[in-house]
Amino acid sequence: MIVTKQYRCIHSSSCVCTKGHLNEDVIFLVFQHLNWNPRLIATLSCVCKWFDEIAKRVLWKEFCRTRAPKMMLDLQSSGSHSVDGNWKALGKLLIYCSGCSKDGLFNSIQIPGHFVYRTRFSRTSGKSFLLPQCRNDILYVSDPCEHLDQGEEGDVGFFRGVFKSFSVSGVRKMLIDREANFHPTEVCPYCKAKLWSMLQAKMIPRSACGRLGAYDDCVEYFVCLNGHMLGICTLLPLSDSEEASELE
């Protein structure tokens, strides 16, 4: 891979790195050796704006390609060399469960966001979250991140996902046709874009409950302008969820 070389911080005259930076090729090779460690990429981004720029443009991209290679190939197969909402946002979506707060997006219990070691994203599962008239869209959805024994809320699951080419998707067109409103205060935790409520737009199919192993009418999710999806559900007991999956 050829990386454009830059040697000076061109973003800020007050940056402590004004005397110059390492060659970008060197940074690329170092992080390749570190297997694109996301914690180290995030740490590097905090050093200065120049390092943050190379992290967004190169390092997060390589992290995403390494973590989910088939998914990334599909997301870029439309001819775009980038993804909606930038690589840093997509990298965070792959490894971070956003949780919820009592006064936040889901107006529910307090469950802090946290990093997850490994998550499976499925294009097949994504079909269960789309109305029949939008089934030509491509949506990758994660398995729910389970938070068990949450008092009156029971067993709670958080899930997240991403659309391919959301700007030309059937879901986006339907949201606009239905004049769906954006959430008045909350934004996407991954890219800070505005959010549509799929529940308010009445665009959550019953098949989503079966796919998640959740109670009927206990699934809610949002989609942002860049096609990132995040949601919450109340999970059925294991034996009941297995029956629900079989019925689906």
C-alpha atoms as a PDB file:
ATOM      1  CA  MET A   1       0.000   0.000   0.000  1.00  0.00           C
ATOM      2  CA  ILE A   2       1.343   3.447  -0.960  1.00  0.00           C
ATOM      3  CA  VAL A   3       0.766   6.151   1.641  1.00  0.00           C
ATOM      4  CA  THR A   4       1.186   9.831   0.762  1.00  0.00           C
ATOM      5  CA  LYS A   5       4.164  11.202   2.680  1.00  0.00           C
ATOM      6  CA  GLN A   6       3.809  14.226   4.948  1.00  0.00           C
ATOM      7  CA  TYR A   7       6.490  15.392   7.346  1.00  0.00           C
ATOM      8  CA  ARG A   8       5.106  18.482   9.059  1.00  0.00           C
ATOM      9  CA  CYS A   9       2.000  19.157  11.106  1.00  0.00           C
ATOM     10  CA  ILE A  10      -0.020  21.331   8.747  1.00  0.00           C
ATOM     11  CA  HIS A  11      -3.018  21.722  11.048  1.00  0.00           C
ATOM     12  CA  SER A  12      -1.905  23.980  13.877  1.00  0.00           C
ATOM     13  CA  SER A  13       0.999  26.373  14.434  1.00  0.00           C
ATOM     14  CA  SER A  14       0.756  25.696  18.164  1.00  0.00           C
ATOM     15  CA  CYS A  15       1.226  21.932  17.784  1.00  0.00           C
ATOM     16  CA  VAL A  16       4.255  20.597  19.660  1.00  0.00           C
ATOM     17  CA  CYS A  17       5.146  18.534  16.604  1.00  0.00           C
ATOM     18  CA  THR A  18       5.973  21.499  14.324  1.00  0.00           C
ATOM     19  CA  LYS A  19       9.548  20.243  13.920  1.00  0.00           C
ATOM     20  CA  GLY A  20       8.285  17.320  11.906  1.00  0.00           C
ATOM     21  CA  HIS A  21       6.789  13.832  12.145  1.00  0.00           C
ATOM     22  CA  LEU A  22       7.763  10.303  11.349  1.00  0.00           C
ATOM     23  CA  ASN A  23       7.316   9.181   7.791  1.00  0.00           C
ATOM     24  CA  GLU A  24       3.744   7.887   7.322  1.00  0.00           C
ATOM     25  CA  ASP A  25       5.167   4.697   5.845  1.00  0.00           C
ATOM     26  CA  VAL A  26       6.907   4.030   9.160  1.00  0.00           C
ATOM     27  CA  ILE A  27       3.690   4.598  11.127  1.00  0.00           C
ATOM     28  CA  PHE A  28       1.859   2.247   8.770  1.00  0.00           C
ATOM     29  CA  LEU A  29       4.432  -0.518   9.253  1.00  0.00           C
ATOM     30  CA  VAL A  30       4.486  -0.107  13.035  1.00  0.00           C
ATOM     31  CA  PHE A  31       0.714  -0.457  13.342  1.00  0.00           C
ATOM     32  CA  GLN A  32       0.672  -3.301  10.851  1.00  0.00           C
ATOM     33  CA  HIS A  33       3.077  -5.115  13.174  1.00  0.00           C
ATOM     34  CA  LEU A  34       0.727  -4.303  16.092  1.00  0.00           C
ATOM     35  CA  ASN A  35      -2.154  -5.841  14.115  1.00  0.00           C
ATOM     36  CA  TRP A  36      -3.944  -2.456  13.993  1.00  0.00           C
ATOM     37  CA  ASN A  37      -4.565  -2.413  17.756  1.00  0.00           C
ATOM     38  CA  PRO A  38      -7.598  -0.099  18.220  1.00  0.00           C
ATOM     39  CA  ARG A  39      -6.568   1.135  21.673  1.00  0.00           C
ATOM     40  CA  LEU A  40      -3.166   2.199  20.345  1.00  0.00           C
ATOM     41  CA  ILE A  41      -4.751   3.854  17.309  1.00  0.00           C
ATOM     42  CA  ALA A  42      -7.036   5.821  19.634  1.00  0.00           C
ATOM     43  CA  THR A  43      -4.061   6.798  21.792  1.00  0.00           C
ATOM     44  CA  LEU A  44      -2.090   7.978  18.756  1.00  0.00           C
ATOM     45  CA  SER A  45      -5.046  10.109  17.647  1.00  0.00           C
ATOM     46  CA  CYS A  46      -4.805  12.109  20.880  1.00  0.00           C
ATOM     47  CA  VAL A  47      -1.189  13.188  20.278  1.00  0.00           C
ATOM     48  CA  CYS A  48      -1.966  15.946  17.766  1.00  0.00           C
ATOM     49  CA  LYS A  49      -4.171  16.750  14.798  1.00  0.00           C
ATOM     50  CA  TRP A  50      -1.687  15.341  12.306  1.00  0.00           C
ATOM     51  CA  PHE A  51      -1.683  11.950  13.974  1.00  0.00           C
ATOM     52  CA  ASP A  52      -5.476  12.097  14.273  1.00  0.00           C
ATOM     53  CA  GLU A  53      -5.691  12.758  10.536  1.00  0.00           C
ATOM     54  CA  ILE A  54      -3.533   9.766   9.564  1.00  0.00           C
ATOM     55  CA  ALA A  55      -5.477   7.583  12.010  1.00  0.00           C
ATOM     56  CA  LYS A  56      -8.798   8.547  10.398  1.00  0.00           C
ATOM     57  CA  ARG A  57      -7.498   8.242   6.842  1.00  0.00           C
ATOM     58  CA  VAL A  58      -5.317   5.126   7.071  1.00  0.00           C
ATOM     59  CA  LEU A  59      -5.136   3.297  10.400  1.00  0.00           C
ATOM     60  CA  TRP A  60      -8.853   2.932  11.171  1.00  0.00           C
ATOM     61  CA  LYS A  61      -9.421   1.836   7.586  1.00  0.00           C
ATOM     62  CA  GLU A  62      -6.856  -0.938   7.924  1.00  0.00           C
ATOM     63  CA  PHE A  63      -8.283  -1.915  11.313  1.00  0.00           C
ATOM     64  CA  CYS A  64     -11.767  -2.327   9.786  1.00  0.00           C
ATOM     65  CA  ARG A  65     -10.391  -4.333   6.875  1.00  0.00           C
ATOM     66  CA  THR A  66      -8.552  -6.655   9.257  1.00  0.00           C
ATOM     67  CA  ARG A  67     -11.396  -7.054  11.760  1.00  0.00           C
ATOM     68  CA  ALA A  68     -14.175  -7.705   9.202  1.00  0.00           C
ATOM     69  CA  PRO A  69     -12.604  -8.241   5.755  1.00  0.00           C
ATOM     70  CA  LYS A  70     -15.619  -9.692   3.913  1.00  0.00           C
ATOM     71  CA  MET A  71     -17.970  -7.084   5.331  1.00  0.00           C
ATOM     72  CA  MET A  72     -15.605  -4.256   4.304  1.00  0.00           C
ATOM     73  CA  LEU A  73     -15.248  -5.616   0.783  1.00  0.00           C
ATOM     74  CA  ASP A  74     -19.025  -5.663   0.459  1.00  0.00           C
ATOM     75  CA  LEU A  75     -19.479  -2.157   1.887  1.00  0.00           C
ATOM     76  CA  GLN A  76     -16.986  -0.812  -0.657  1.00  0.00           C
ATOM     77  CA  SER A  77     -18.105  -2.920  -3.627  1.00  0.00           C
ATOM     78  CA  SER A  78     -20.286  -0.107  -4.976  1.00  0.00           C
ATOM     79  CA  GLY A  79     -17.097   1.654  -6.092  1.00  0.00           C
ATOM     80  CA  SER A  80     -16.573   3.987  -3.150  1.00  0.00           C
ATOM     81  CA  HIS A  81     -13.127   4.110  -1.555  1.00  0.00           C
ATOM     82  CA  SER A  82     -14.628   5.346   1.709  1.00  0.00           C
ATOM     83  CA  VAL A  83     -17.638   4.513   3.852  1.00  0.00           C
ATOM     84  CA  ASP A  84     -20.529   6.595   5.115  1.00  0.00           C
ATOM     85  CA  GLY A  85     -19.573   8.452   8.283  1.00  0.00           C
ATOM     86  CA  ASN A  86     -15.776   7.779   7.969  1.00  0.00           C
ATOM     87  CA  TRP A  87     -13.560   4.845   8.960  1.00  0.00           C
ATOM     88  CA  LYS A  88     -13.075   5.942  12.558  1.00  0.00           C
ATOM     89  CA  ALA A  89     -16.839   5.806  13.190  1.00  0.00           C
ATOM     90  CA  LEU A  90     -17.094   2.380  11.578  1.00  0.00           C
ATOM     91  CA  GLY A  91     -14.146   1.116  13.599  1.00  0.00           C
ATOM     92  CA  LYS A  92     -15.827   2.240  16.809  1.00  0.00           C
ATOM     93  CA  LEU A  93     -19.098   0.596  15.775  1.00  0.00           C
ATOM     94  CA  LEU A  94     -17.304  -2.724  15.302  1.00  0.00           C
ATOM     95  CA  ILE A  95     -15.936  -2.826  18.841  1.00  0.00           C
ATOM     96  CA  TYR A  96     -18.081  -0.575  21.048  1.00  0.00           C
ATOM     97  CA  CYS A  97     -21.475  -1.217  22.680  1.00  0.00           C
ATOM     98  CA  SER A  98     -23.023   2.204  23.304  1.00  0.00           C
ATOM     99  CA  GLY A  99     -25.117   1.202  26.351  1.00  0.00           C
ATOM    100  CA  CYS A 100     -27.804   3.641  27.526  1.00  0.00           C
ATOM    101  CA  SER A 101     -28.613   6.220  30.182  1.00  0.00           C
ATOM    102  CA  LYS A 102     -31.855   7.042  31.972  1.00  0.00           C
ATOM    103  CA  ASP A 103     -32.128  10.408  30.234  1.00  0.00           C
ATOM    104  CA  GLY A 104     -30.569   9.315  26.955  1.00  0.00           C
ATOM    105  CA  LEU A 105     -31.627   7.805  23.668  1.00  0.00           C
ATOM    106  CA  PHE A 106     -33.648   4.878  25.000  1.00  0.00           C
ATOM    107  CA  ASN A 107     -34.855   6.649  28.170  1.00  0.00           C
ATOM    108  CA  SER A 108     -34.223   3.456  30.073  1.00  0.00           C
ATOM    109  CA  ILE A 109     -31.898   2.117  32.751  1.00  0.00           C
ATOM    110  CA  GLN A 110     -28.285   3.149  33.208  1.00  0.00           C
ATOM    111  CA  ILE A 111     -25.899   0.781  31.427  1.00  0.00           C
ATOM    112  CA  PRO A 112     -22.475   2.260  30.609  1.00  0.00           C
ATOM    113  CA  GLY A 113     -21.030   1.877  27.143  1.00  0.00           C
ATOM    114  CA  HIS A 114     -18.068  -0.480  26.842  1.00  0.00           C
ATOM    115  CA  PHE A 115     -15.697  -2.098  24.390  1.00  0.00           C
ATOM    116  CA  VAL A 116     -16.401  -5.648  23.249  1.00  0.00           C
ATOM    117  CA  TYR A 117     -13.656  -8.099  22.335  1.00  0.00           C
ATOM    118  CA  ARG A 118     -15.389  -9.744  19.395  1.00  0.00           C
ATOM    119  CA  THR A 119     -18.762  -9.305  17.687  1.00  0.00           C
ATOM    120  CA  ARG A 120     -20.308 -11.127  14.752  1.00  0.00           C
ATOM    121  CA  PHE A 121     -22.056  -8.967  12.129  1.00  0.00           C
ATOM    122  CA  SER A 122     -24.428 -10.685   9.733  1.00  0.00           C
ATOM    123  CA  ARG A 123     -25.885  -9.525   6.427  1.00  0.00           C
ATOM    124  CA  THR A 124     -28.452 -12.329   6.588  1.00  0.00           C
ATOM    125  CA  SER A 125     -29.621 -11.201  10.040  1.00  0.00           C
ATOM    126  CA  GLY A 126     -29.965  -7.674   8.694  1.00  0.00           C
ATOM    127  CA  LYS A 127     -32.832  -8.748   6.434  1.00  0.00           C
ATOM    128  CA  SER A 128     -34.942  -9.419   9.538  1.00  0.00           C
ATOM    129  CA  PHE A 129     -34.747  -5.732  10.465  1.00  0.00           C
ATOM    130  CA  LEU A 130     -36.128  -4.490   7.137  1.00  0.00           C
ATOM    131  CA  LEU A 131     -39.718  -4.146   5.978  1.00  0.00           C
ATOM    132  CA  PRO A 132     -40.553  -6.247   2.879  1.00  0.00           C
ATOM    133  CA  GLN A 133     -40.452  -3.197   0.590  1.00  0.00           C
ATOM    134  CA  CYS A 134     -36.886  -2.462   1.757  1.00  0.00           C
ATOM    135  CA  ARG A 135     -35.499  -5.997   1.525  1.00  0.00           C
ATOM    136  CA  ASN A 136     -33.207  -5.020  -1.366  1.00  0.00           C
ATOM    137  CA  ASP A 137     -31.196  -2.898   1.060  1.00  0.00           C
ATOM    138  CA  ILE A 138     -28.052  -4.359   2.587  1.00  0.00           C
ATOM    139  CA  LEU A 139     -27.765  -4.095   6.357  1.00  0.00           C
ATOM    140  CA  TYR A 140     -25.190  -5.763   8.599  1.00  0.00           C
ATOM    141  CA  VAL A 141     -26.385  -6.300  12.193  1.00  0.00           C
ATOM    142  CA  SER A 142     -24.513  -7.580  15.233  1.00  0.00           C
ATOM    143  CA  ASP A 143     -25.591 -10.248  17.659  1.00  0.00           C
ATOM    144  CA  PRO A 144     -27.073  -8.600  20.772  1.00  0.00           C
ATOM    145  CA  CYS A 145     -24.638  -7.633  23.522  1.00  0.00           C
ATOM    146  CA  GLU A 146     -26.357  -9.176  26.542  1.00  0.00           C
ATOM    147  CA  HIS A 147     -26.708  -7.375  29.888  1.00  0.00           C
ATOM    148  CA  LEU A 148     -28.532  -9.794  32.157  1.00  0.00           C
ATOM    149  CA  ASP A 149     -30.626  -9.278  35.303  1.00  0.00           C
ATOM    150  CA  GLN A 150     -31.324  -5.559  34.904  1.00  0.00           C
ATOM    151  CA  GLY A 151     -34.062  -5.417  37.546  1.00  0.00           C
ATOM    152  CA  GLU A 152     -37.540  -4.684  36.194  1.00  0.00           C
ATOM    153  CA  GLU A 153     -36.122  -4.453  32.671  1.00  0.00           C
ATOM    154  CA  GLY A 154     -35.070  -8.103  32.787  1.00  0.00           C
ATOM    155  CA  ASP A 155     -32.363  -9.244  30.375  1.00  0.00           C
ATOM    156  CA  VAL A 156     -31.397  -6.389  28.049  1.00  0.00           C
ATOM    157  CA  GLY A 157     -29.643  -6.695  24.706  1.00  0.00           C
ATOM    158  CA  PHE A 158     -27.943  -3.957  22.670  1.00  0.00           C
ATOM    159  CA  PHE A 159     -27.312  -4.381  18.975  1.00  0.00           C
ATOM    160  CA  ARG A 160     -25.746  -2.244  16.285  1.00  0.00           C
ATOM    161  CA  GLY A 161     -25.321  -2.308  12.548  1.00  0.00           C
ATOM    162  CA  VAL A 162     -24.462  -0.464   9.361  1.00  0.00           C
ATOM    163  CA  PHE A 163     -26.155  -0.047   5.968  1.00  0.00           C
ATOM    164  CA  LYS A 164     -24.360  -0.302   2.665  1.00  0.00           C
ATOM    165  CA  SER A 165     -24.839   2.844   0.540  1.00  0.00           C
ATOM    166  CA  PHE A 166     -27.436   4.237   2.933  1.00  0.00           C
ATOM    167  CA  SER A 167     -27.828   7.464   0.930  1.00  0.00           C
ATOM    168  CA  VAL A 168     -29.572   5.524  -1.861  1.00  0.00           C
ATOM    169  CA  SER A 169     -31.318   2.928   0.317  1.00  0.00           C
ATOM    170  CA  GLY A 170     -35.020   2.136   0.446  1.00  0.00           C
ATOM    171  CA  VAL A 171     -35.054   2.700   4.220  1.00  0.00           C
ATOM    172  CA  ARG A 172     -33.787   6.266   3.877  1.00  0.00           C
ATOM    173  CA  LYS A 173     -36.309   6.995   1.113  1.00  0.00           C
ATOM    174  CA  MET A 174     -39.166   5.615   3.215  1.00  0.00           C
ATOM    175  CA  LEU A 175     -38.103   7.638   6.268  1.00  0.00           C
ATOM    176  CA  ILE A 176     -38.141  10.792   4.167  1.00  0.00           C
ATOM    177  CA  ASP A 177     -41.466   9.900   2.493  1.00  0.00           C
ATOM    178  CA  ARG A 178     -43.025   9.345   5.918  1.00  0.00           C
ATOM    179  CA  GLU A 179     -41.612  12.690   7.077  1.00  0.00           C
ATOM    180  CA  ALA A 180     -39.961  11.029  10.060  1.00  0.00           C
ATOM    181  CA  ASN A 181     -38.520  13.450  12.596  1.00  0.00           C
ATOM    182  CA  PHE A 182     -34.991  13.381  13.946  1.00  0.00           C
ATOM    183  CA  HIS A 183     -34.444  12.803  17.645  1.00  0.00           C
ATOM    184  CA  PRO A 184     -34.564  16.283  19.228  1.00  0.00           C
ATOM    185  CA  THR A 185     -31.404  15.981  21.331  1.00  0.00           C
ATOM    186  CA  GLU A 186     -29.486  12.723  20.881  1.00  0.00           C
ATOM    187  CA  VAL A 187     -27.025  11.951  18.070  1.00  0.00           C
ATOM    188  CA  CYS A 188     -25.280   8.833  16.801  1.00  0.00           C
ATOM    189  CA  PRO A 189     -22.631   7.715  19.330  1.00  0.00           C
ATOM    190  CA  TYR A 190     -20.379   6.644  16.465  1.00  0.00           C
ATOM    191  CA  CYS A 191     -20.396   9.596  14.045  1.00  0.00           C
ATOM    192  CA  LYS A 192     -22.461  12.326  15.820  1.00  0.00           C
ATOM    193  CA  ALA A 193     -25.018  12.476  12.983  1.00  0.00           C
ATOM    194  CA  LYS A 194     -28.741  12.999  13.563  1.00  0.00           C
ATOM    195  CA  LEU A 195     -30.926   9.981  14.296  1.00  0.00           C
ATOM    196  CA  TRP A 196     -34.259   8.689  13.027  1.00  0.00           C
ATOM    197  CA  SER A 197     -36.398   6.492  15.279  1.00  0.00           C
ATOM    198  CA  MET A 198     -37.517   3.390  13.401  1.00  0.00           C
ATOM    199  CA  LEU A 199     -40.138   2.808  16.084  1.00  0.00           C
ATOM    200  CA  GLN A 200     -41.757   6.208  15.614  1.00  0.00           C
ATOM    201  CA  ALA A 201     -41.623   5.727  11.847  1.00  0.00           C
ATOM    202  CA  LYS A 202     -43.379   2.354  12.319  1.00  0.00           C
ATOM    203  CA  MET A 203     -40.650   0.566  10.376  1.00  0.00           C
ATOM    204  CA  ILE A 204     -39.720  -2.256  12.758  1.00  0.00           C
ATOM    205  CA  PRO A 205     -40.917  -5.635  11.409  1.00  0.00           C
ATOM    206  CA  ARG A 206     -41.903  -8.437  13.807  1.00  0.00           C
ATOM    207  CA  SER A 207     -39.130 -10.570  12.331  1.00  0.00           C
ATOM    208  CA  ALA A 208     -36.624  -8.418  14.251  1.00  0.00           C
ATOM    209  CA  CYS A 209     -37.939  -9.801  17.558  1.00  0.00           C
ATOM    210  CA  GLY A 210     -37.500 -13.363  16.373  1.00  0.00           C
ATOM    211  CA  ARG A 211     -33.999 -12.743  15.096  1.00  0.00           C
ATOM    212  CA  LEU A 212     -32.907 -11.151  18.370  1.00  0.00           C
ATOM    213  CA  GLY A 213     -34.721 -13.630  20.602  1.00  0.00           C
ATOM    214  CA  ALA A 214     -36.660 -10.744  22.160  1.00  0.00           C
ATOM    215  CA  TYR A 215     -40.185 -10.132  23.425  1.00  0.00           C
ATOM    216  CA  ASP A 216     -42.706  -8.736  20.938  1.00  0.00           C
ATOM    217  CA  ASP A 217     -42.956  -4.948  21.050  1.00  0.00           C
ATOM    218  CA  CYS A 218     -39.753  -4.760  23.132  1.00  0.00           C
ATOM    219  CA  VAL A 219     -37.408  -3.834  20.292  1.00  0.00           C
ATOM    220  CA  GLU A 220     -36.379  -0.282  19.437  1.00  0.00           C
ATOM    221  CA  TYR A 221     -33.678   1.008  17.154  1.00  0.00           C
ATOM    222  CA  PHE A 222     -32.439   4.162  15.506  1.00  0.00           C
ATOM    223  CA  VAL A 223     -30.668   4.859  12.209  1.00  0.00           C
ATOM    224  CA  CYS A 224     -28.429   7.872  11.646  1.00  0.00           C
ATOM    225  CA  LEU A 225     -27.858   9.906   8.486  1.00  0.00           C
ATOM    226  CA  ASN A 226     -24.727   7.876   7.762  1.00  0.00           C
ATOM    227  CA  GLY A 227     -26.531   4.539   8.013  1.00  0.00           C
ATOM    228  CA  HIS A 228     -25.295   3.430  11.429  1.00  0.00           C
ATOM    229  CA  MET A 229     -27.911   1.548  13.425  1.00  0.00           C
ATOM    230  CA  LEU A 230     -28.148   1.065  17.193  1.00  0.00           C
ATOM    231  CA  GLY A 231     -30.908  -0.566  19.182  1.00  0.00           C
ATOM    232  CA  ILE A 232     -32.120  -2.140  22.386  1.00  0.00           C
ATOM    233  CA  CYS A 233     -34.343  -5.120  23.170  1.00  0.00           C
ATOM    234  CA  THR A 234     -35.645  -7.133  26.114  1.00  0.00           C
ATOM    235  CA  LEU A 235     -34.419 -10.697  25.683  1.00  0.00           C
ATOM    236  CA  LEU A 236     -36.544 -13.792  26.142  1.00  0.00           C
ATOM    237  CA  PRO A 237     -35.332 -16.593  28.431  1.00  0.00           C
ATOM    238  CA  LEU A 238     -33.028 -18.878  26.482  1.00  0.00           C
ATOM    239  CA  SER A 239     -35.552 -21.696  25.926  1.00  0.00           C
ATOM    240  CA  ASP A 240     -38.229 -19.248  24.728  1.00  0.00           C
ATOM    241  CA  SER A 241     -35.827 -17.456  22.391  1.00  0.00           C
ATOM    242  CA  GLU A 242     -34.887 -20.757  20.757  1.00  0.00           C
ATOM    243  CA  GLU A 243     -38.594 -21.413  20.071  1.00  0.00           C
ATOM    244  CA  ALA A 244     -39.000 -17.916  18.621  1.00  0.00           C
ATOM    245  CA  SER A 245     -36.076 -18.480  16.235  1.00  0.00           C
ATOM    246  CA  GLU A 246     -37.615 -21.755  15.057  1.00  0.00           C
ATOM    247  CA  LEU A 247     -40.967 -20.055  14.396  1.00  0.00           C
ATOM    248  CA  GLU A 248     -39.256 -17.347  12.358  1.00  0.00           C
END
